[in-house]
Amino acid sequence: MKCRISLALFFAFTVAATASVDSCLAVLRPNLTIGEKDLLDVSERWSNMRRIEDAERETFLRNAGYADSTGSIPSKIRVDEIAGCIIGRESDTLEIRLFRVLGIEGTKDENVYVVTTSRQNIIARSLIASLQATCESTFLRACTMEDDGSIRVGQLRHDFDCEKDEFLRTEPLPGLTIRVRDDGSISETVEGE
């Protein structure tokens, strides 16, 4: 029995060590289709998230622009890791991770980032899904992974009249195509460019 467990661990480590960005994204694919319903109830969609705390939390939130004008990061902002994948390379390891940030703006502030790290340093990040709601508007960014390994992001804004409590319009916004490169960098191409 111990031999089978050791062999399984060796195989899992070997697969992880030789994985490419494409195979890592394939592992993450079930988590890369994110819509409005998922962002309305994140804990139902991803029940096994791991809380990111202390220095790692602060580093990510600073990198993602959550520090206020004094450099402080509100303690109520929560960061969780949804999923991740490790790619072994000769000189280093690269991780592709999905982070959820529960912000404090408006009535709803849910955000999902794809993040690449190496040796606990952030290489790149991109906001792939978001639901930000206030009385005046709701911004939605949703995504899906395409067969070519890119992440297709659509976005729109619903506008409301708070005083009359009525819906005004939906404004589609330009979409994005996001690609994670082998070196860990992330490219974002706006539709129509």
Protein backbone atom coordinates (compact mmCIF):
# COMPACT_ATOMS: atom_id res chain seq x y z
CA MET A 1 0.00 0.00 0.00
CA LYS A 2 2.84 2.43 0.89
CA CYS A 3 4.50 1.62 -2.41
CA ARG A 4 1.34 2.54 -4.36
CA ILE A 5 0.99 5.82 -2.47
CA SER A 6 4.66 6.67 -3.05
CA LEU A 7 4.35 5.81 -6.73
CA ALA A 8 1.20 7.93 -7.04
CA LEU A 9 2.89 10.89 -5.33
CA PHE A 10 5.97 10.50 -7.54
CA PHE A 11 3.75 10.43 -10.64
CA ALA A 12 1.74 13.46 -9.51
CA PHE A 13 4.93 15.41 -8.78
CA THR A 14 6.44 14.44 -12.12
CA VAL A 15 3.32 15.50 -14.01
CA ALA A 16 3.21 18.80 -12.12
CA ALA A 17 6.90 19.39 -12.71
CA THR A 18 6.63 18.94 -16.48
CA ALA A 19 3.30 20.67 -17.03
CA SER A 20 3.05 23.49 -19.55
CA VAL A 21 0.97 26.65 -19.32
CA ASP A 22 -1.61 25.02 -21.63
CA SER A 23 -1.91 21.88 -19.51
CA CYS A 24 -2.06 23.95 -16.32
CA LEU A 25 -4.87 26.06 -17.78
CA ALA A 26 -6.64 22.85 -18.81
CA VAL A 27 -6.57 21.79 -15.14
CA LEU A 28 -8.02 25.17 -14.14
CA ARG A 29 -10.61 25.18 -16.96
CA PRO A 30 -13.58 24.08 -14.78
CA ASN A 31 -12.98 27.23 -12.72
CA LEU A 32 -12.54 29.53 -15.71
CA THR A 33 -16.17 29.80 -16.76
CA ILE A 34 -17.51 32.47 -14.45
CA GLY A 35 -20.86 34.20 -14.82
CA GLU A 36 -23.09 36.50 -12.82
CA LYS A 37 -24.67 33.64 -10.85
CA ASP A 38 -21.22 32.46 -9.72
CA LEU A 39 -20.33 35.94 -8.50
CA LEU A 40 -23.63 36.34 -6.66
CA ASP A 41 -22.87 33.27 -4.52
CA VAL A 42 -19.13 32.62 -4.64
CA SER A 43 -19.06 30.25 -1.65
CA GLU A 44 -21.63 27.99 -3.32
CA ARG A 45 -19.60 27.78 -6.55
CA TRP A 46 -16.23 27.34 -4.84
CA SER A 47 -16.71 25.75 -1.42
CA ASN A 48 -13.03 24.81 -0.89
CA MET A 49 -11.35 28.20 -1.21
CA ARG A 50 -8.19 28.79 0.81
CA ARG A 51 -7.93 32.10 2.68
CA ILE A 52 -4.90 34.22 1.72
CA GLU A 53 -3.61 36.13 4.73
CA ASP A 54 -0.82 38.25 6.14
CA ALA A 55 2.08 39.25 3.84
CA GLU A 56 0.79 37.31 0.83
CA ARG A 57 -2.60 39.06 1.11
CA GLU A 58 -1.02 42.48 1.48
CA THR A 59 1.39 41.94 -1.43
CA PHE A 60 -1.39 40.86 -3.77
CA LEU A 61 -3.80 43.63 -2.76
CA ARG A 62 -1.10 46.27 -3.16
CA ASN A 63 -0.21 44.86 -6.59
CA ALA A 64 -3.89 44.86 -7.61
CA GLY A 65 -4.39 48.48 -6.53
CA TYR A 66 -6.44 48.03 -3.36
CA ALA A 67 -4.29 50.30 -1.17
CA ASP A 68 -5.89 53.66 -0.37
CA SER A 69 -4.22 57.06 -0.81
CA THR A 70 -2.36 56.64 2.49
CA GLY A 71 -1.02 53.22 1.48
CA SER A 72 -3.33 51.37 3.87
CA ILE A 73 -5.29 48.29 2.89
CA PRO A 74 -8.68 47.95 4.61
CA SER A 75 -8.75 44.85 6.82
CA LYS A 76 -12.26 43.96 5.64
CA ILE A 77 -11.05 43.14 2.11
CA ARG A 78 -10.86 39.36 1.88
CA VAL A 79 -8.66 37.33 -0.48
CA ASP A 80 -9.15 33.61 -1.19
CA GLU A 81 -7.41 31.23 -3.55
CA ILE A 82 -9.99 29.40 -5.68
CA ALA A 83 -7.57 27.05 -7.44
CA GLY A 84 -4.00 26.84 -8.65
CA CYS A 85 -1.56 24.86 -10.73
CA ILE A 86 2.24 24.54 -10.56
CA ILE A 87 4.45 24.38 -13.62
CA GLY A 88 7.98 23.11 -13.03
CA ARG A 89 10.71 24.68 -15.14
CA GLU A 90 14.46 24.09 -15.15
CA SER A 91 15.32 27.36 -13.47
CA ASP A 92 12.18 27.98 -11.50
CA THR A 93 8.57 27.08 -10.90
CA LEU A 94 5.64 29.06 -12.19
CA GLU A 95 2.23 29.02 -10.55
CA ILE A 96 -1.04 30.00 -12.17
CA ARG A 97 -3.59 30.83 -9.49
CA LEU A 98 -7.15 32.09 -9.33
CA PHE A 99 -7.75 34.62 -6.55
CA ARG A 100 -11.11 35.88 -5.36
CA VAL A 101 -11.23 39.32 -3.78
CA LEU A 102 -14.27 40.31 -1.74
CA GLY A 103 -14.03 44.08 -1.72
CA ILE A 104 -15.89 46.66 0.31
CA GLU A 105 -17.27 49.01 -2.35
CA GLY A 106 -21.00 49.38 -3.01
CA THR A 107 -23.56 46.69 -2.23
CA LYS A 108 -21.63 43.91 -4.00
CA ASP A 109 -17.91 43.79 -4.80
CA GLU A 110 -16.74 40.35 -6.02
CA ASN A 111 -13.65 40.00 -8.19
CA VAL A 112 -11.70 37.06 -9.63
CA TYR A 113 -8.13 37.42 -10.89
CA VAL A 114 -5.83 35.07 -12.77
CA VAL A 115 -2.41 35.52 -11.16
CA THR A 116 1.00 34.17 -12.11
CA THR A 117 3.67 33.86 -9.45
CA SER A 118 7.21 32.57 -9.18
CA ARG A 119 8.98 32.08 -5.85
CA GLN A 120 6.05 33.84 -4.16
CA ASN A 121 6.58 36.94 -6.32
CA ILE A 122 3.75 38.16 -8.51
CA ILE A 123 4.67 38.17 -12.19
CA ALA A 124 1.33 39.30 -13.60
CA ARG A 125 -2.39 39.45 -12.84
CA SER A 126 -5.58 40.13 -14.74
CA LEU A 127 -9.13 40.74 -13.58
CA ILE A 128 -11.17 38.06 -15.37
CA ALA A 129 -14.52 38.31 -13.56
CA SER A 130 -16.21 40.99 -11.50
CA LEU A 131 -19.57 41.99 -10.10
CA GLN A 132 -19.65 45.50 -8.66
CA ALA A 133 -23.02 46.90 -7.70
CA THR A 134 -24.13 50.29 -6.40
CA CYS A 135 -27.49 52.03 -6.44
CA GLU A 136 -26.64 53.72 -9.77
CA SER A 137 -25.11 50.84 -11.72
CA THR A 138 -23.97 47.24 -11.85
CA PHE A 139 -20.74 46.32 -13.64
CA LEU A 140 -20.39 42.70 -14.74
CA ARG A 141 -17.29 41.06 -16.17
CA ALA A 142 -17.69 37.36 -16.96
CA CYS A 143 -15.33 34.89 -18.62
CA THR A 144 -14.93 31.53 -20.27
CA MET A 145 -11.88 29.60 -21.42
CA GLU A 146 -11.62 29.01 -25.17
CA ASP A 147 -10.27 25.86 -26.83
CA ASP A 148 -7.05 27.69 -27.78
CA GLY A 149 -6.26 28.30 -24.08
CA SER A 150 -7.22 31.98 -24.09
CA ILE A 151 -9.69 33.42 -21.62
CA ARG A 152 -12.54 35.31 -23.29
CA VAL A 153 -13.95 38.11 -21.15
CA GLY A 154 -17.25 39.89 -21.78
CA GLN A 155 -18.39 42.93 -19.85
CA LEU A 156 -21.39 45.21 -19.51
CA ARG A 157 -22.93 47.83 -17.29
CA HIS A 158 -26.56 48.13 -16.16
CA ASP A 159 -27.61 51.68 -15.25
CA PHE A 160 -30.39 52.52 -12.78
CA ASP A 161 -32.22 55.61 -11.55
CA CYS A 162 -31.92 55.38 -7.76
CA GLU A 163 -34.55 58.00 -7.00
CA LYS A 164 -37.21 56.35 -9.17
CA ASP A 165 -35.91 52.84 -8.45
CA GLU A 166 -36.01 51.90 -12.12
CA PHE A 167 -33.78 50.27 -14.70
CA LEU A 168 -32.48 52.67 -17.38
CA ARG A 169 -30.29 50.73 -19.81
CA THR A 170 -27.69 48.05 -20.40
CA GLU A 171 -24.47 49.16 -22.03
CA PRO A 172 -22.27 46.44 -23.55
CA LEU A 173 -18.58 47.22 -23.10
CA PRO A 174 -15.66 45.99 -25.23
CA GLY A 175 -14.59 42.43 -24.47
CA LEU A 176 -11.08 41.17 -23.84
CA THR A 177 -8.98 38.18 -24.79
CA ILE A 178 -6.51 37.22 -22.07
CA ARG A 179 -3.55 34.90 -22.63
CA VAL A 180 -1.10 33.53 -20.09
CA ARG A 181 2.33 33.18 -21.72
CA ASP A 182 4.98 30.57 -20.97
CA ASP A 183 7.11 33.13 -19.10
CA GLY A 184 4.20 33.97 -16.77
CA SER A 185 3.34 37.29 -18.37
CA ILE A 186 -0.30 37.92 -19.23
CA SER A 187 -1.50 39.74 -22.34
CA GLU A 188 -4.87 41.47 -22.62
CA THR A 189 -6.27 42.35 -26.04
CA VAL A 190 -9.35 44.55 -26.26
CA GLU A 191 -11.95 43.46 -28.85
CA GLY A 192 -11.62 45.42 -32.08
CA GLU A 193 -7.94 46.33 -31.60
